[in-house]
Amino acid sequence: MNTSSNTVGTRHSHRAITMDFTTTSGKHLLVRVPLTLFDDLSLKIGNSYKANYWIVARCNEVERLSHETIEHMSI
């Protein structure tokens, strides 16, 4: 799985985790995920390390979609 060109940095607050990474195409992203959602994802797929990289992989997948496809998905 090709996730990103840089290590994922994370910052935690009492309500959310903020992920700081660069996608495979070189875009810098800050993704904020509520801790309740992140904790559920971590439990579902095994641990927080896997949850971090699952989110990064999904961001890389969405980035490769056309703008039209992304707009259509948000309707």
PDB file of N, CA and C in Angstrom:
ATOM      1  N   MET A   1       0.844  -1.171   0.000  1.00  0.00           N
ATOM      2  CA  MET A   1       0.000   0.000   0.000  1.00  0.00           C
ATOM      3  C   MET A   1       0.893   1.240   0.000  1.00  0.00           C
ATOM      4  N   ASN A   2       0.760   2.062  -0.998  1.00  0.00           N
ATOM      5  CA  ASN A   2       1.500   3.309  -1.077  1.00  0.00           C
ATOM      6  C   ASN A   2       0.677   4.397  -0.420  1.00  0.00           C
ATOM      7  N   THR A   3       1.080   4.852   0.768  1.00  0.00           N
ATOM      8  CA  THR A   3       0.241   5.783   1.505  1.00  0.00           C
ATOM      9  C   THR A   3       0.656   7.226   1.323  1.00  0.00           C
ATOM     10  N   SER A   4       1.850   7.573   1.678  1.00  0.00           N
ATOM     11  CA  SER A   4       2.266   8.960   1.542  1.00  0.00           C
ATOM     12  C   SER A   4       3.768   9.040   1.440  1.00  0.00           C
ATOM     13  N   SER A   5       4.225  10.222   1.046  1.00  0.00           N
ATOM     14  CA  SER A   5       5.658  10.387   0.891  1.00  0.00           C
ATOM     15  C   SER A   5       6.331  10.805   2.187  1.00  0.00           C
ATOM     16  N   ASN A   6       5.572  11.149   3.192  1.00  0.00           N
ATOM     17  CA  ASN A   6       6.114  11.562   4.476  1.00  0.00           C
ATOM     18  C   ASN A   6       5.446  10.800   5.606  1.00  0.00           C
ATOM     19  N   THR A   7       6.081  10.834   6.758  1.00  0.00           N
ATOM     20  CA  THR A   7       5.507  10.227   7.943  1.00  0.00           C
ATOM     21  C   THR A   7       4.275  11.020   8.378  1.00  0.00           C
ATOM     22  N   VAL A   8       3.298  10.312   8.895  1.00  0.00           N
ATOM     23  CA  VAL A   8       2.089  10.957   9.391  1.00  0.00           C
ATOM     24  C   VAL A   8       2.377  11.511  10.772  1.00  0.00           C
ATOM     25  N   GLY A   9       2.166  12.805  10.919  1.00  0.00           N
ATOM     26  CA  GLY A   9       2.270  13.438  12.225  1.00  0.00           C
ATOM     27  C   GLY A   9       0.881  13.559  12.804  1.00  0.00           C
ATOM     28  N   THR A  10       0.747  13.330  14.089  1.00  0.00           N
ATOM     29  CA  THR A  10      -0.570  13.451  14.707  1.00  0.00           C
ATOM     30  C   THR A  10      -0.497  14.339  15.933  1.00  0.00           C
ATOM     31  N   ARG A  11      -1.575  15.071  16.128  1.00  0.00           N
ATOM     32  CA  ARG A  11      -1.736  15.885  17.337  1.00  0.00           C
ATOM     33  C   ARG A  11      -3.089  15.529  17.917  1.00  0.00           C
ATOM     34  N   HIS A  12      -3.134  15.378  19.227  1.00  0.00           N
ATOM     35  CA  HIS A  12      -4.371  15.006  19.892  1.00  0.00           C
ATOM     36  C   HIS A  12      -4.895  16.185  20.712  1.00  0.00           C
ATOM     37  N   SER A  13      -6.181  16.380  20.656  1.00  0.00           N
ATOM     38  CA  SER A  13      -6.841  17.275  21.598  1.00  0.00           C
ATOM     39  C   SER A  13      -7.814  16.397  22.363  1.00  0.00           C
ATOM     40  N   HIS A  14      -8.591  16.981  23.234  1.00  0.00           N
ATOM     41  CA  HIS A  14      -9.521  16.166  24.010  1.00  0.00           C
ATOM     42  C   HIS A  14     -10.714  15.693  23.180  1.00  0.00           C
ATOM     43  N   ARG A  15     -10.903  16.239  21.962  1.00  0.00           N
ATOM     44  CA  ARG A  15     -12.047  15.864  21.141  1.00  0.00           C
ATOM     45  C   ARG A  15     -11.693  15.310  19.765  1.00  0.00           C
ATOM     46  N   ALA A  16     -10.478  15.555  19.289  1.00  0.00           N
ATOM     47  CA  ALA A  16     -10.144  15.155  17.916  1.00  0.00           C
ATOM     48  C   ALA A  16      -8.658  14.862  17.782  1.00  0.00           C
ATOM     49  N   ILE A  17      -8.357  14.146  16.719  1.00  0.00           N
ATOM     50  CA  ILE A  17      -6.975  13.901  16.337  1.00  0.00           C
ATOM     51  C   ILE A  17      -6.766  14.651  15.015  1.00  0.00           C
ATOM     52  N   THR A  18      -5.652  15.361  14.905  1.00  0.00           N
ATOM     53  CA  THR A  18      -5.324  16.061  13.666  1.00  0.00           C
ATOM     54  C   THR A  18      -4.127  15.379  13.045  1.00  0.00           C
ATOM     55  N   MET A  19      -4.329  14.912  11.817  1.00  0.00           N
ATOM     56  CA  MET A  19      -3.279  14.206  11.089  1.00  0.00           C
ATOM     57  C   MET A  19      -2.647  15.163  10.096  1.00  0.00           C
ATOM     58  N   ASP A  20      -1.338  15.208  10.068  1.00  0.00           N
ATOM     59  CA  ASP A  20      -0.568  16.111   9.223  1.00  0.00           C
ATOM     60  C   ASP A  20       0.329  15.251   8.335  1.00  0.00           C
ATOM     61  N   PHE A  21       0.049  15.264   7.012  1.00  0.00           N
ATOM     62  CA  PHE A  21       0.839  14.428   6.112  1.00  0.00           C
ATOM     63  C   PHE A  21       0.823  14.991   4.700  1.00  0.00           C
ATOM     64  N   THR A  22       1.683  14.434   3.869  1.00  0.00           N
ATOM     65  CA  THR A  22       1.765  14.802   2.458  1.00  0.00           C
ATOM     66  C   THR A  22       1.329  13.600   1.634  1.00  0.00           C
ATOM     67  N   THR A  23       0.425  13.826   0.680  1.00  0.00           N
ATOM     68  CA  THR A  23      -0.082  12.740  -0.156  1.00  0.00           C
ATOM     69  C   THR A  23       0.982  12.297  -1.152  1.00  0.00           C
ATOM     70  N   THR A  24       0.688  11.228  -1.862  1.00  0.00           N
ATOM     71  CA  THR A  24       1.642  10.700  -2.834  1.00  0.00           C
ATOM     72  C   THR A  24       1.902  11.675  -3.976  1.00  0.00           C
ATOM     73  N   SER A  25       0.951  12.572  -4.253  1.00  0.00           N
ATOM     74  CA  SER A  25       1.164  13.557  -5.319  1.00  0.00           C
ATOM     75  C   SER A  25       1.795  14.848  -4.793  1.00  0.00           C
ATOM     76  N   GLY A  26       2.087  14.899  -3.498  1.00  0.00           N
ATOM     77  CA  GLY A  26       2.786  16.044  -2.933  1.00  0.00           C
ATOM     78  C   GLY A  26       1.919  17.100  -2.272  1.00  0.00           C
ATOM     79  N   LYS A  27       0.617  16.849  -2.130  1.00  0.00           N
ATOM     80  CA  LYS A  27      -0.262  17.816  -1.458  1.00  0.00           C
ATOM     81  C   LYS A  27      -0.165  17.645   0.048  1.00  0.00           C
ATOM     82  N   HIS A  28      -0.029  18.767   0.738  1.00  0.00           N
ATOM     83  CA  HIS A  28       0.019  18.745   2.191  1.00  0.00           C
ATOM     84  C   HIS A  28      -1.404  18.797   2.722  1.00  0.00           C
ATOM     85  N   LEU A  29      -1.749  17.880   3.628  1.00  0.00           N
ATOM     86  CA  LEU A  29      -3.088  17.836   4.203  1.00  0.00           C
ATOM     87  C   LEU A  29      -3.043  17.846   5.719  1.00  0.00           C
ATOM     88  N   LEU A  30      -4.013  18.520   6.298  1.00  0.00           N
ATOM     89  CA  LEU A  30      -4.308  18.417   7.721  1.00  0.00           C
ATOM     90  C   LEU A  30      -5.716  17.847   7.801  1.00  0.00           C
ATOM     91  N   VAL A  31      -5.847  16.662   8.353  1.00  0.00           N
ATOM     92  CA  VAL A  31      -7.141  16.005   8.456  1.00  0.00           C
ATOM     93  C   VAL A  31      -7.496  15.891   9.927  1.00  0.00           C
ATOM     94  N   ARG A  32      -8.665  16.416  10.263  1.00  0.00           N
ATOM     95  CA  ARG A  32      -9.129  16.378  11.654  1.00  0.00           C
ATOM     96  C   ARG A  32     -10.227  15.331  11.773  1.00  0.00           C
ATOM     97  N   VAL A  33     -10.036  14.381  12.701  1.00  0.00           N
ATOM     98  CA  VAL A  33     -10.973  13.274  12.898  1.00  0.00           C
ATOM     99  C   VAL A  33     -11.420  13.278  14.357  1.00  0.00           C
ATOM    100  N   PRO A  34     -12.734  13.274  14.612  1.00  0.00           N
ATOM    101  CA  PRO A  34     -13.208  13.183  16.002  1.00  0.00           C
ATOM    102  C   PRO A  34     -12.649  11.928  16.681  1.00  0.00           C
ATOM    103  N   LEU A  35     -12.261  12.066  17.942  1.00  0.00           N
ATOM    104  CA  LEU A  35     -11.680  10.926  18.660  1.00  0.00           C
ATOM    105  C   LEU A  35     -12.639   9.747  18.745  1.00  0.00           C
ATOM    106  N   THR A  36     -13.937  10.001  18.856  1.00  0.00           N
ATOM    107  CA  THR A  36     -14.890   8.897  18.927  1.00  0.00           C
ATOM    108  C   THR A  36     -14.829   8.064  17.645  1.00  0.00           C
ATOM    109  N   LEU A  37     -14.750   8.716  16.504  1.00  0.00           N
ATOM    110  CA  LEU A  37     -14.652   8.007  15.228  1.00  0.00           C
ATOM    111  C   LEU A  37     -13.308   7.297  15.095  1.00  0.00           C
ATOM    112  N   PHE A  38     -12.228   7.989  15.475  1.00  0.00           N
ATOM    113  CA  PHE A  38     -10.898   7.391  15.384  1.00  0.00           C
ATOM    114  C   PHE A  38     -10.779   6.173  16.298  1.00  0.00           C
ATOM    115  N   ASP A  39     -11.307   6.280  17.513  1.00  0.00           N
ATOM    116  CA  ASP A  39     -11.261   5.145  18.444  1.00  0.00           C
ATOM    117  C   ASP A  39     -12.039   3.953  17.902  1.00  0.00           C
ATOM    118  N   ASP A  40     -13.221   4.211  17.328  1.00  0.00           N
ATOM    119  CA  ASP A  40     -14.013   3.122  16.741  1.00  0.00           C
ATOM    120  C   ASP A  40     -13.269   2.468  15.585  1.00  0.00           C
ATOM    121  N   LEU A  41     -12.647   3.279  14.729  1.00  0.00           N
ATOM    122  CA  LEU A  41     -11.873   2.748  13.611  1.00  0.00           C
ATOM    123  C   LEU A  41     -10.688   1.925  14.109  1.00  0.00           C
ATOM    124  N   SER A  42     -10.002   2.425  15.125  1.00  0.00           N
ATOM    125  CA  SER A  42      -8.856   1.704  15.695  1.00  0.00           C
ATOM    126  C   SER A  42      -9.269   0.334  16.213  1.00  0.00           C
ATOM    127  N   LEU A  43     -10.397   0.279  16.910  1.00  0.00           N
ATOM    128  CA  LEU A  43     -10.887  -1.004  17.420  1.00  0.00           C
ATOM    129  C   LEU A  43     -11.277  -1.940  16.288  1.00  0.00           C
ATOM    130  N   LYS A  44     -11.902  -1.394  15.261  1.00  0.00           N
ATOM    131  CA  LYS A  44     -12.398  -2.198  14.141  1.00  0.00           C
ATOM    132  C   LYS A  44     -11.260  -2.839  13.340  1.00  0.00           C
ATOM    133  N   ILE A  45     -10.168  -2.062  13.096  1.00  0.00           N
ATOM    134  CA  ILE A  45      -9.096  -2.613  12.248  1.00  0.00           C
ATOM    135  C   ILE A  45      -7.839  -3.028  13.016  1.00  0.00           C
ATOM    136  N   GLY A  46      -7.853  -2.875  14.321  1.00  0.00           N
ATOM    137  CA  GLY A  46      -6.752  -3.448  15.096  1.00  0.00           C
ATOM    138  C   GLY A  46      -6.024  -2.522  16.050  1.00  0.00           C
ATOM    139  N   ASN A  47      -5.621  -1.337  15.581  1.00  0.00           N
ATOM    140  CA  ASN A  47      -4.913  -0.416  16.464  1.00  0.00           C
ATOM    141  C   ASN A  47      -4.833   0.973  15.820  1.00  0.00           C
ATOM    142  N   SER A  48      -4.310   1.948  16.557  1.00  0.00           N
ATOM    143  CA  SER A  48      -4.275   3.329  16.066  1.00  0.00           C
ATOM    144  C   SER A  48      -3.287   3.507  14.910  1.00  0.00           C
ATOM    145  N   TYR A  49      -2.206   2.738  14.891  1.00  0.00           N
ATOM    146  CA  TYR A  49      -1.254   2.814  13.779  1.00  0.00           C
ATOM    147  C   TYR A  49      -1.953   2.467  12.463  1.00  0.00           C
ATOM    148  N   LYS A  50      -2.689   1.362  12.471  1.00  0.00           N
ATOM    149  CA  LYS A  50      -3.420   0.948  11.269  1.00  0.00           C
ATOM    150  C   LYS A  50      -4.501   1.951  10.912  1.00  0.00           C
ATOM    151  N   ALA A  51      -5.161   2.526  11.917  1.00  0.00           N
ATOM    152  CA  ALA A  51      -6.204   3.524  11.663  1.00  0.00           C
ATOM    153  C   ALA A  51      -5.608   4.764  11.001  1.00  0.00           C
ATOM    154  N   ASN A  52      -4.452   5.224  11.480  1.00  0.00           N
ATOM    155  CA  ASN A  52      -3.768   6.369  10.856  1.00  0.00           C
ATOM    156  C   ASN A  52      -3.544   6.119   9.374  1.00  0.00           C
ATOM    157  N   TYR A  53      -2.963   4.994   9.059  1.00  0.00           N
ATOM    158  CA  TYR A  53      -2.611   4.715   7.672  1.00  0.00           C
ATOM    159  C   TYR A  53      -3.821   4.351   6.813  1.00  0.00           C
ATOM    160  N   TRP A  54      -4.883   3.864   7.420  1.00  0.00           N
ATOM    161  CA  TRP A  54      -6.119   3.633   6.678  1.00  0.00           C
ATOM    162  C   TRP A  54      -6.677   4.973   6.205  1.00  0.00           C
ATOM    163  N   ILE A  55      -6.675   5.970   7.089  1.00  0.00           N
ATOM    164  CA  ILE A  55      -7.171   7.304   6.730  1.00  0.00           C
ATOM    165  C   ILE A  55      -6.292   7.927   5.648  1.00  0.00           C
ATOM    166  N   VAL A  56      -4.987   7.806   5.774  1.00  0.00           N
ATOM    167  CA  VAL A  56      -4.068   8.339   4.760  1.00  0.00           C
ATOM    168  C   VAL A  56      -4.338   7.676   3.403  1.00  0.00           C
ATOM    169  N   ALA A  57      -4.522   6.365   3.398  1.00  0.00           N
ATOM    170  CA  ALA A  57      -4.787   5.655   2.142  1.00  0.00           C
ATOM    171  C   ALA A  57      -6.086   6.132   1.509  1.00  0.00           C
ATOM    172  N   ARG A  58      -7.133   6.339   2.306  1.00  0.00           N
ATOM    173  CA  ARG A  58      -8.404   6.829   1.756  1.00  0.00           C
ATOM    174  C   ARG A  58      -8.247   8.240   1.189  1.00  0.00           C
ATOM    175  N   CYS A  59      -7.475   9.094   1.848  1.00  0.00           N
ATOM    176  CA  CYS A  59      -7.230  10.446   1.329  1.00  0.00           C
ATOM    177  C   CYS A  59      -6.496  10.386  -0.004  1.00  0.00           C
ATOM    178  N   ASN A  60      -5.530   9.488  -0.133  1.00  0.00           N
ATOM    179  CA  ASN A  60      -4.817   9.320  -1.402  1.00  0.00           C
ATOM    180  C   ASN A  60      -5.752   8.812  -2.493  1.00  0.00           C
ATOM    181  N   GLU A  61      -6.676   7.931  -2.147  1.00  0.00           N
ATOM    182  CA  GLU A  61      -7.640   7.428  -3.130  1.00  0.00           C
ATOM    183  C   GLU A  61      -8.560   8.552  -3.619  1.00  0.00           C
ATOM    184  N   VAL A  62      -9.076   9.341  -2.699  1.00  0.00           N
ATOM    185  CA  VAL A  62      -9.982  10.430  -3.063  1.00  0.00           C
ATOM    186  C   VAL A  62      -9.249  11.465  -3.894  1.00  0.00           C
ATOM    187  N   GLU A  63      -8.001  11.718  -3.575  1.00  0.00           N
ATOM    188  CA  GLU A  63      -7.223  12.713  -4.310  1.00  0.00           C
ATOM    189  C   GLU A  63      -7.093  12.345  -5.791  1.00  0.00           C
ATOM    190  N   ARG A  64      -7.082  11.058  -6.092  1.00  0.00           N
ATOM    191  CA  ARG A  64      -6.937  10.611  -7.479  1.00  0.00           C
ATOM    192  C   ARG A  64      -8.245  10.686  -8.269  1.00  0.00           C
ATOM    193  N   LEU A  65      -9.368  10.942  -7.600  1.00  0.00           N
ATOM    194  CA  LEU A  65     -10.649  11.058  -8.293  1.00  0.00           C
ATOM    195  C   LEU A  65     -10.739  12.394  -9.013  1.00  0.00           C
ATOM    196  N   SER A  66     -11.550  12.441 -10.051  1.00  0.00           N
ATOM    197  CA  SER A  66     -11.766  13.704 -10.761  1.00  0.00           C
ATOM    198  C   SER A  66     -12.599  14.645  -9.886  1.00  0.00           C
ATOM    199  N   HIS A  67     -12.494  15.941 -10.152  1.00  0.00           N
ATOM    200  CA  HIS A  67     -13.288  16.923  -9.406  1.00  0.00           C
ATOM    201  C   HIS A  67     -14.780  16.658  -9.588  1.00  0.00           C
ATOM    202  N   GLU A  68     -15.180  16.235 -10.783  1.00  0.00           N
ATOM    203  CA  GLU A  68     -16.587  15.945 -11.053  1.00  0.00           C
ATOM    204  C   GLU A  68     -17.087  14.787 -10.183  1.00  0.00           C
ATOM    205  N   THR A  69     -16.271  13.774 -10.045  1.00  0.00           N
ATOM    206  CA  THR A  69     -16.651  12.629  -9.223  1.00  0.00           C
ATOM    207  C   THR A  69     -16.779  13.035  -7.758  1.00  0.00           C
ATOM    208  N   ILE A  70     -15.835  13.824  -7.272  1.00  0.00           N
ATOM    209  CA  ILE A  70     -15.879  14.280  -5.885  1.00  0.00           C
ATOM    210  C   ILE A  70     -17.123  15.121  -5.648  1.00  0.00           C
ATOM    211  N   GLU A  71     -17.424  16.038  -6.571  1.00  0.00           N
ATOM    212  CA  GLU A  71     -18.620  16.876  -6.430  1.00  0.00           C
ATOM    213  C   GLU A  71     -19.882  16.022  -6.421  1.00  0.00           C
ATOM    214  N   HIS A  72     -19.929  15.020  -7.272  1.00  0.00           N
ATOM    215  CA  HIS A  72     -21.104  14.151  -7.350  1.00  0.00           C
ATOM    216  C   HIS A  72     -21.288  13.362  -6.049  1.00  0.00           C
ATOM    217  N   MET A  73     -20.184  12.948  -5.433  1.00  0.00           N
ATOM    218  CA  MET A  73     -20.242  12.179  -4.197  1.00  0.00           C
ATOM    219  C   MET A  73     -20.763  13.009  -3.032  1.00  0.00           C
ATOM    220  N   SER A  74     -20.555  14.320  -3.076  1.00  0.00           N
ATOM    221  CA  SER A  74     -20.934  15.164  -1.936  1.00  0.00           C
ATOM    222  C   SER A  74     -22.393  15.600  -1.989  1.00  0.00           C
ATOM    223  N   ILE A  75     -23.107  15.239  -3.041  1.00  0.00           N
ATOM    224  CA  ILE A  75     -24.517  15.647  -3.164  1.00  0.00           C
ATOM    225  C   ILE A  75     -25.401  14.805  -2.288  1.00  0.00           C
TER     226      ILE A  75
END
